């Protein structure tokens, strides 16, 4: 039996492998603090009541036929107003595309801009860019980032790879780290892209930026979201934004995403999404268009939602800082945005009580699953090497109480290592 070269070489998800281990232990009746999935336990974090009611009404009104290929006009108008209010971004409706979550828009961006063999640059760690490069036969360059820069890429990191590249894929707040661009850092990257495009000969494809800001409304403390076009308006013709309702409204299963960018690019992406049939369901689009216009309901939901997410992140961060102060080889980067915390467990080379050596981050993770009943995701699942002993912890599927209760279990498990 034979399949395509793409199918033969496309890599599976390391997160799915971890999920398999968790499910096996759950079958045995064990309770695992699952900090792996970038999703929400709907019993802990339900979608807004107004959105739920709106979806039900739309189904009762039989809004169940095909939506327009680029999304309902009323929803695109609502997104335009919403983006203006939230970020000061001025968008025409023909610059906005609706799809079934943000993934089809990311894929459509790659398909619309990247030819086979073109160079795509992205930081490591980052989410899924390596797989999108495989899907489009692009030459992916994963640029290593540093803990001292909160694992965000800098202009100096990117500069050696920019010449001749087609796409620079960025995300802030970043999945998997929960860290963010600062204003100066992103300005320097924007200027790098502008300079590169200025120096390209006429007729050569420009360098585009894919800017994933799906977590932009989930920021904490003094950390504020920044974006390329707000900082450098002259970049407007070269930036495609990825956004949507999935994360900011805990609505991952509602499947309403939106992207926006240059009208001529969005027009091509609309055709691609149409051929994929990756439309957001029409009732959900109708409901979302009404909900985004309800500023009071949106603000009320976001304020409460953010407070609860931050409480969980703070609990996990403080727990690991306490372990660090007690001499354990762990660390954490302060919560900035998204639903993720970056954790370090520097235990490669240590020996378990049953005599096994933890060779790398994957071994450390599976040891914690078995001994501490805690599951994380190593950065190796996001494009780094297995020797990088940093991990993503996602708080969307665990309560603050569950997170607090897991810290002593982690301490006990780490204490057993020699």
Protein backbone atom coordinates (compact mmCIF):
# COMPACT_ATOMS: atom_id res chain seq x y z
CA UNK A 1 0.00 0.00 0.00
CA UNK A 2 1.23 3.48 -0.83
CA UNK A 3 0.22 7.00 0.17
CA UNK A 4 1.38 10.48 -0.85
CA UNK A 5 4.82 11.76 0.08
CA UNK A 6 3.08 14.40 2.20
CA UNK A 7 1.19 11.75 4.16
CA UNK A 8 4.35 9.69 4.58
CA UNK A 9 6.38 12.55 6.01
CA UNK A 10 3.81 14.59 7.94
CA UNK A 11 4.66 14.32 11.63
CA UNK A 12 2.12 13.32 14.24
CA UNK A 13 1.34 15.40 17.30
CA UNK A 14 3.44 14.88 20.42
CA UNK A 15 0.51 16.26 22.39
CA UNK A 16 -1.68 13.39 21.14
CA UNK A 17 0.95 10.93 22.38
CA UNK A 18 0.81 12.56 25.82
CA UNK A 19 -2.99 12.48 25.74
CA UNK A 20 -2.84 8.74 25.08
CA UNK A 21 -0.77 8.23 28.23
CA UNK A 22 -3.20 10.36 30.25
CA UNK A 23 -6.23 8.47 28.94
CA UNK A 24 -4.63 5.13 29.76
CA UNK A 25 -4.07 6.21 33.38
CA UNK A 26 -7.61 7.57 33.60
CA UNK A 27 -8.92 4.15 32.51
CA UNK A 28 -7.14 2.80 35.58
CA UNK A 29 -9.11 5.26 37.74
CA UNK A 30 -6.28 7.73 38.30
CA UNK A 31 -6.94 11.47 38.47
CA UNK A 32 -4.50 13.54 36.39
CA UNK A 33 -4.06 17.31 36.51
CA UNK A 34 -4.16 17.79 32.76
CA UNK A 35 -2.25 20.96 31.87
CA UNK A 36 -1.66 19.88 28.28
CA UNK A 37 -4.62 20.97 26.22
CA UNK A 38 -5.04 24.51 24.86
CA UNK A 39 -8.76 24.32 25.54
CA UNK A 40 -11.27 24.92 28.30
CA UNK A 41 -13.29 22.66 30.55
CA UNK A 42 -16.72 24.04 29.68
CA UNK A 43 -18.01 23.28 33.18
CA UNK A 44 -15.33 25.60 34.56
CA UNK A 45 -15.28 28.15 31.75
CA UNK A 46 -18.61 28.23 29.89
CA UNK A 47 -19.14 30.54 26.93
CA UNK A 48 -21.05 33.79 27.58
CA UNK A 49 -24.72 33.27 28.41
CA UNK A 50 -25.75 35.85 25.81
CA UNK A 51 -23.85 33.93 23.13
CA UNK A 52 -25.45 30.64 24.16
CA UNK A 53 -28.91 32.21 23.98
CA UNK A 54 -28.15 33.79 20.61
CA UNK A 55 -27.05 30.48 19.09
CA UNK A 56 -30.25 28.78 20.28
CA UNK A 57 -32.38 31.56 18.80
CA UNK A 58 -30.55 31.34 15.47
CA UNK A 59 -31.23 27.59 15.25
CA UNK A 60 -34.86 28.16 16.17
CA UNK A 61 -35.03 30.67 13.31
CA UNK A 62 -33.68 27.98 10.93
CA UNK A 63 -30.49 29.87 10.10
CA UNK A 64 -29.02 26.58 8.91
CA UNK A 65 -28.15 27.00 5.23
CA UNK A 66 -24.77 27.88 3.71
CA UNK A 67 -23.30 31.18 4.87
CA UNK A 68 -21.50 33.47 2.37
CA UNK A 69 -17.97 32.32 1.53
CA UNK A 70 -16.36 35.20 3.40
CA UNK A 71 -18.84 35.16 6.29
CA UNK A 72 -22.06 36.99 7.03
CA UNK A 73 -21.84 40.69 6.25
CA UNK A 74 -23.40 41.50 9.62
CA UNK A 75 -20.64 39.53 11.38
CA UNK A 76 -17.87 41.15 9.34
CA UNK A 77 -19.36 44.55 10.24
CA UNK A 78 -19.42 43.55 13.91
CA UNK A 79 -15.81 42.34 13.73
CA UNK A 80 -14.81 45.63 12.11
CA UNK A 81 -16.35 47.63 14.96
CA UNK A 82 -14.95 45.26 17.55
CA UNK A 83 -11.38 45.45 16.23
CA UNK A 84 -11.62 49.24 16.09
CA UNK A 85 -12.82 49.45 19.68
CA UNK A 86 -10.35 46.90 21.07
CA UNK A 87 -7.20 47.79 19.12
CA UNK A 88 -7.90 50.88 17.01
CA UNK A 89 -7.62 48.86 13.78
CA UNK A 90 -9.73 50.34 10.96
CA UNK A 91 -11.05 47.57 8.70
CA UNK A 92 -13.32 47.48 5.68
CA UNK A 93 -15.58 44.46 5.43
CA UNK A 94 -13.78 43.23 2.29
CA UNK A 95 -10.60 43.01 4.41
CA UNK A 96 -12.20 40.51 6.81
CA UNK A 97 -12.68 36.75 6.39
CA UNK A 98 -14.73 34.48 8.65
CA UNK A 99 -14.00 30.76 9.00
CA UNK A 100 -14.58 27.78 11.27
CA UNK A 101 -12.11 28.87 13.90
CA UNK A 102 -8.72 30.39 13.19
CA UNK A 103 -6.93 27.29 11.85
CA UNK A 104 -8.44 27.43 8.33
CA UNK A 105 -7.39 31.09 8.13
CA UNK A 106 -3.82 30.24 9.09
CA UNK A 107 -3.75 27.46 6.50
CA UNK A 108 -5.37 29.72 3.89
CA UNK A 109 -2.72 32.38 4.57
CA UNK A 110 0.01 29.86 3.84
CA UNK A 111 -1.76 28.62 0.70
CA UNK A 112 -2.43 32.14 -0.58
CA UNK A 113 1.11 33.46 -0.07
CA UNK A 114 3.58 30.56 -0.03
CA UNK A 115 4.69 28.57 -3.06
CA UNK A 116 6.47 25.20 -2.75
CA UNK A 117 10.09 25.88 -1.84
CA UNK A 118 9.42 29.37 -0.46
CA UNK A 119 11.00 30.22 2.88
CA UNK A 120 8.83 30.65 5.96
CA UNK A 121 10.42 31.95 9.16
CA UNK A 122 8.96 31.28 12.60
CA UNK A 123 10.25 31.19 16.17
CA UNK A 124 10.87 28.01 18.11
CA UNK A 125 8.91 27.32 20.17
CA UNK A 126 5.70 28.18 18.33
CA UNK A 127 2.49 26.39 17.48
CA UNK A 128 2.13 24.27 14.32
CA UNK A 129 4.13 26.41 11.87
CA UNK A 130 6.38 23.44 11.11
CA UNK A 131 3.31 21.41 10.11
CA UNK A 132 1.90 24.18 7.92
CA UNK A 133 5.27 24.33 6.17
CA UNK A 134 5.01 20.59 5.53
CA UNK A 135 1.49 20.98 4.18
CA UNK A 136 2.56 23.69 1.71
CA UNK A 137 6.01 22.22 0.84
CA UNK A 138 7.63 25.36 2.18
CA UNK A 139 11.15 25.61 3.50
CA UNK A 140 10.56 26.22 7.18
CA UNK A 141 13.22 27.93 9.27
CA UNK A 142 12.62 27.53 13.00
CA UNK A 143 14.56 30.34 14.69
CA UNK A 144 15.65 29.45 18.24
CA UNK A 145 14.62 31.93 20.93
CA UNK A 146 16.03 32.53 24.40
CA UNK A 147 14.56 32.33 27.89
CA UNK A 148 16.05 35.74 28.71
CA UNK A 149 13.85 37.18 25.94
CA UNK A 150 10.81 35.30 27.26
CA UNK A 151 11.11 33.02 24.22
CA UNK A 152 9.94 35.85 21.94
CA UNK A 153 11.98 36.36 18.74
CA UNK A 154 14.01 39.53 18.39
CA UNK A 155 14.99 41.42 15.25
CA UNK A 156 18.56 40.19 15.76
CA UNK A 157 17.33 36.58 15.93
CA UNK A 158 15.40 36.96 12.66
CA UNK A 159 17.78 39.17 10.66
CA UNK A 160 20.06 36.37 9.30
CA UNK A 161 17.04 34.58 7.78
CA UNK A 162 14.97 37.44 6.34
CA UNK A 163 16.53 37.86 2.91
CA UNK A 164 14.36 36.27 0.24
CA UNK A 165 11.82 34.85 2.70
CA UNK A 166 8.11 34.94 1.86
CA UNK A 167 6.41 34.71 5.24
CA UNK A 168 7.28 35.59 8.83
CA UNK A 169 4.87 33.81 11.18
CA UNK A 170 4.51 35.53 14.55
CA UNK A 171 2.15 35.10 17.49
CA UNK A 172 1.53 37.32 20.54
CA UNK A 173 0.58 36.40 23.21
CA UNK A 174 2.52 33.34 22.18
CA UNK A 175 1.34 29.76 22.18
CA UNK A 176 3.05 27.88 23.92
CA UNK A 177 4.74 30.36 26.26
CA UNK A 178 2.06 32.85 27.29
CA UNK A 179 4.66 35.59 26.78
CA UNK A 180 4.29 38.69 24.61
CA UNK A 181 6.02 41.19 22.38
CA UNK A 182 7.00 44.47 23.94
CA UNK A 183 6.49 47.60 21.88
CA UNK A 184 10.18 48.19 21.10
CA UNK A 185 10.83 44.56 20.24
CA UNK A 186 7.97 44.41 17.74
CA UNK A 187 8.85 47.82 16.29
CA UNK A 188 12.36 46.58 15.52
CA UNK A 189 10.96 43.51 13.75
CA UNK A 190 8.51 45.67 11.78
CA UNK A 191 11.35 47.94 10.68
CA UNK A 192 13.35 44.89 9.62
CA UNK A 193 10.47 43.74 7.38
CA UNK A 194 9.97 47.23 5.92
CA UNK A 195 13.65 47.52 5.10
CA UNK A 196 13.69 44.09 3.46
CA UNK A 197 10.69 44.90 1.28
CA UNK A 198 12.15 48.28 0.34
CA UNK A 199 15.27 46.54 -0.98
CA UNK A 200 13.47 43.88 -3.03
CA UNK A 201 13.45 44.34 -6.80
CA UNK A 202 10.21 45.13 -8.58
CA UNK A 203 8.22 42.00 -9.31
CA UNK A 204 9.65 39.97 -6.43
CA UNK A 205 7.14 38.70 -3.89
CA UNK A 206 7.28 40.81 -0.72
CA UNK A 207 7.89 39.49 2.77
CA UNK A 208 4.52 39.10 4.51
CA UNK A 209 3.79 38.80 8.22
CA UNK A 210 1.25 36.33 9.57
CA UNK A 211 0.30 37.82 12.94
CA UNK A 212 -1.64 35.45 15.19
CA UNK A 213 -3.31 37.45 17.95
CA UNK A 214 -5.98 34.94 18.95
CA UNK A 215 -5.08 35.54 22.64
CA UNK A 216 -4.83 39.34 22.37
CA UNK A 217 -7.69 40.05 24.76
CA UNK A 218 -6.25 37.76 27.43
CA UNK A 219 -3.42 39.89 28.84
CA UNK A 220 -2.54 40.44 32.48
CA UNK A 221 -1.06 43.06 34.76
CA UNK A 222 0.95 45.76 33.02
CA UNK A 223 1.33 43.73 29.85
CA UNK A 224 -0.55 45.22 26.90
CA UNK A 225 -1.03 43.83 23.41
CA UNK A 226 0.80 45.41 20.48
CA UNK A 227 0.41 44.69 16.77
CA UNK A 228 2.39 45.49 13.60
CA UNK A 229 0.03 47.82 11.72
CA UNK A 230 -0.75 49.92 14.79
CA UNK A 231 2.99 50.43 15.28
CA UNK A 232 3.87 50.82 11.59
CA UNK A 233 0.81 51.72 9.45
CA UNK A 234 2.89 51.38 6.27
CA UNK A 235 2.91 47.61 6.88
CA UNK A 236 -0.84 47.31 6.25
CA UNK A 237 -0.38 45.77 2.78
CA UNK A 238 1.91 43.07 4.18
CA UNK A 239 0.20 41.76 7.34
CA UNK A 240 -2.48 39.09 7.65
CA UNK A 241 -3.98 38.90 11.15
CA UNK A 242 -5.38 35.76 12.77
CA UNK A 243 -8.07 36.25 15.42
CA UNK A 244 -11.41 34.93 16.56
CA UNK A 245 -13.72 34.01 19.42
CA UNK A 246 -12.19 30.67 20.39
CA UNK A 247 -9.93 31.78 23.22
CA UNK A 248 -11.23 35.14 24.46
CA UNK A 249 -14.75 33.77 24.99
CA UNK A 250 -13.78 30.15 25.85
CA UNK A 251 -15.61 29.27 22.63
CA UNK A 252 -13.26 26.74 21.04
CA UNK A 253 -16.16 24.51 19.97
CA UNK A 254 -18.30 27.34 18.61
CA UNK A 255 -15.88 27.58 15.64
CA UNK A 256 -16.03 31.25 14.73
CA UNK A 257 -12.68 32.68 13.69
CA UNK A 258 -11.78 35.75 11.72
CA UNK A 259 -8.76 37.01 9.87
CA UNK A 260 -8.07 40.33 8.23
CA UNK A 261 -5.49 41.90 6.00
CA UNK A 262 -4.96 43.34 2.51
CA UNK A 263 -8.18 43.03 0.48
CA UNK A 264 -6.42 41.38 -2.47
CA UNK A 265 -4.98 38.67 -0.19
CA UNK A 266 -8.22 38.17 1.74
CA UNK A 267 -10.06 37.74 -1.59
CA UNK A 268 -7.78 34.83 -2.52
CA UNK A 269 -8.07 33.34 0.96
CA UNK A 270 -11.86 33.50 0.70
CA UNK A 271 -11.72 31.26 -2.38
CA UNK A 272 -9.40 28.82 -0.62
CA UNK A 273 -11.57 28.60 2.50
CA UNK A 274 -14.61 28.20 0.25
CA UNK A 275 -13.09 25.25 -1.57
CA UNK A 276 -12.18 23.69 1.79
CA UNK A 277 -15.75 24.24 2.97
CA UNK A 278 -14.30 25.63 6.19
CA UNK A 279 -17.11 28.07 6.95
CA UNK A 280 -18.19 28.87 10.46
CA UNK A 281 -21.70 27.47 11.08
CA UNK A 282 -24.30 30.06 10.13
CA UNK A 283 -26.24 30.04 13.44
CA UNK A 284 -23.01 30.69 15.33
CA UNK A 285 -22.15 33.52 12.94
CA UNK A 286 -25.57 35.12 13.46
CA UNK A 287 -25.23 34.86 17.23
CA UNK A 288 -21.65 36.14 17.25
CA UNK A 289 -22.58 39.18 15.15
CA UNK A 290 -25.15 40.19 17.79
CA UNK A 291 -22.90 39.35 20.74
CA UNK A 292 -19.91 41.42 19.57
CA UNK A 293 -22.21 44.45 19.35
CA UNK A 294 -23.19 44.07 23.02
CA UNK A 295 -20.26 45.97 24.54
CA UNK A 296 -21.55 45.69 28.10
CA UNK A 297 -21.95 41.92 27.91
CA UNK A 298 -18.53 41.49 26.29
CA UNK A 299 -16.76 43.62 28.90
CA UNK A 300 -18.50 41.89 31.78
CA UNK A 301 -17.60 38.44 30.50
CA UNK A 302 -13.99 39.30 29.68
CA UNK A 303 -13.35 40.90 33.07
CA UNK A 304 -14.57 37.88 35.01
CA UNK A 305 -12.97 35.39 32.64
CA UNK A 306 -9.57 37.08 32.76
CA UNK A 307 -9.63 37.29 36.55
CA UNK A 308 -10.20 33.53 36.84
CA UNK A 309 -7.53 32.65 34.27
CA UNK A 310 -5.03 34.96 35.95
CA UNK A 311 -5.79 33.43 39.36
CA UNK A 312 -4.92 29.98 38.01
CA UNK A 313 -1.77 31.21 36.29
CA UNK A 314 -0.66 33.09 39.41
CA UNK A 315 -1.24 30.03 41.59
CA UNK A 316 0.92 27.89 39.33
CA UNK A 317 3.61 30.57 38.99
CA UNK A 318 3.86 31.16 42.74
CA UNK A 319 3.94 27.43 43.41
CA UNK A 320 6.93 26.94 41.12
CA UNK A 321 8.69 30.00 42.49
CA UNK A 322 8.34 28.52 45.96
CA UNK A 323 9.84 25.25 44.74
CA UNK A 324 12.69 27.21 43.18
CA UNK A 325 13.34 29.04 46.48
CA UNK A 326 13.53 25.65 48.20
CA UNK A 327 16.35 24.58 45.89
CA UNK A 328 14.50 22.58 43.26
CA UNK A 329 15.81 22.92 39.69
CA UNK A 330 12.66 24.59 38.42
CA UNK A 331 11.65 28.03 37.18
CA UNK A 332 8.71 29.89 35.66
CA UNK A 333 8.16 33.06 33.63
CA UNK A 334 5.56 35.43 35.06
CA UNK A 335 2.06 35.29 33.54
CA UNK A 336 1.68 37.80 30.71
CA UNK A 337 -1.09 36.60 28.41
CA UNK A 338 -3.07 33.67 26.98
CA UNK A 339 -3.85 30.61 29.14
CA UNK A 340 -0.29 29.31 29.35
CA UNK A 341 2.60 29.43 31.77
CA UNK A 342 6.18 28.62 30.81
CA UNK A 343 7.81 26.22 33.27
CA UNK A 344 11.35 24.87 33.55
CA UNK A 345 12.10 21.47 35.08
CA UNK A 346 15.83 20.92 34.68
CA UNK A 347 16.01 17.25 35.57
CA UNK A 348 17.53 15.60 32.51
CA UNK A 349 20.16 13.07 33.59
CA UNK A 350 18.49 12.35 36.93
CA UNK A 351 17.60 8.81 37.98
CA UNK A 352 14.12 7.69 39.00
CA UNK A 353 13.44 5.50 42.06
CA UNK A 354 13.18 2.44 39.79
CA UNK A 355 16.61 3.13 38.27
CA UNK A 356 15.66 4.72 34.94
CA UNK A 357 17.52 7.78 33.67
CA UNK A 358 15.50 10.76 32.48
CA UNK A 359 17.22 11.43 29.17
CA UNK A 360 15.26 14.46 27.98
CA UNK A 361 12.16 16.62 28.39
CA UNK A 362 9.85 13.88 27.16
CA UNK A 363 11.12 11.50 29.85
CA UNK A 364 10.72 14.21 32.50
CA UNK A 365 7.14 14.79 31.42
CA UNK A 366 6.13 11.14 31.46
CA UNK A 367 7.79 10.74 34.86
CA UNK A 368 5.63 13.59 36.22
CA UNK A 369 2.51 12.05 34.71
CA UNK A 370 3.14 8.76 36.51
CA UNK A 371 4.62 10.03 39.79
CA UNK A 372 2.94 13.41 40.32
CA UNK A 373 -0.26 12.86 38.30
CA UNK A 374 0.54 16.09 36.42
CA UNK A 375 0.76 16.40 32.63
CA UNK A 376 2.60 19.20 30.81
CA UNK A 377 3.73 19.63 27.20
CA UNK A 378 7.49 19.85 26.47
CA UNK A 379 8.61 22.63 24.16
CA UNK A 380 9.83 19.87 21.84
CA UNK A 381 6.18 19.60 20.75
CA UNK A 382 6.53 23.16 19.48
CA UNK A 383 9.68 22.87 17.43
CA UNK A 384 12.58 22.91 19.90
CA UNK A 385 14.96 20.05 20.62
CA UNK A 386 14.16 17.44 23.28
CA UNK A 387 17.15 18.71 25.27
CA UNK A 388 15.24 21.95 26.06
CA UNK A 389 13.78 21.38 29.51
CA UNK A 390 11.03 23.99 29.29
CA UNK A 391 7.33 23.11 29.23
CA UNK A 392 3.92 24.59 28.47
CA UNK A 393 1.28 24.46 31.19
CA UNK A 394 -2.28 25.28 30.13
CA UNK A 395 -4.76 26.23 32.85
CA UNK A 396 -8.00 26.08 30.85
CA UNK A 397 -9.03 22.59 31.91
CA UNK A 398 -8.09 22.68 35.61
CA UNK A 399 -9.54 24.65 38.51
CA UNK A 400 -7.36 26.89 40.66
CA UNK A 401 -7.88 24.41 43.51
CA UNK A 402 -6.63 21.51 41.37
CA UNK A 403 -3.57 23.53 40.40
CA UNK A 404 -2.77 24.36 44.03
CA UNK A 405 -3.18 20.70 45.00
CA UNK A 406 -0.73 19.48 42.36
CA UNK A 407 2.26 21.52 43.59
CA UNK A 408 2.99 19.24 46.59
CA UNK A 409 2.78 16.21 44.28
CA UNK A 410 5.35 17.76 41.94
CA UNK A 411 7.58 18.50 44.93
CA UNK A 412 7.36 14.91 46.16
CA UNK A 413 8.06 13.45 42.71
CA UNK A 414 11.10 15.69 42.15
CA UNK A 415 12.41 14.88 45.64
CA UNK A 416 12.63 11.19 44.64
CA UNK A 417 15.05 11.86 41.78
CA UNK A 418 18.77 11.23 42.30
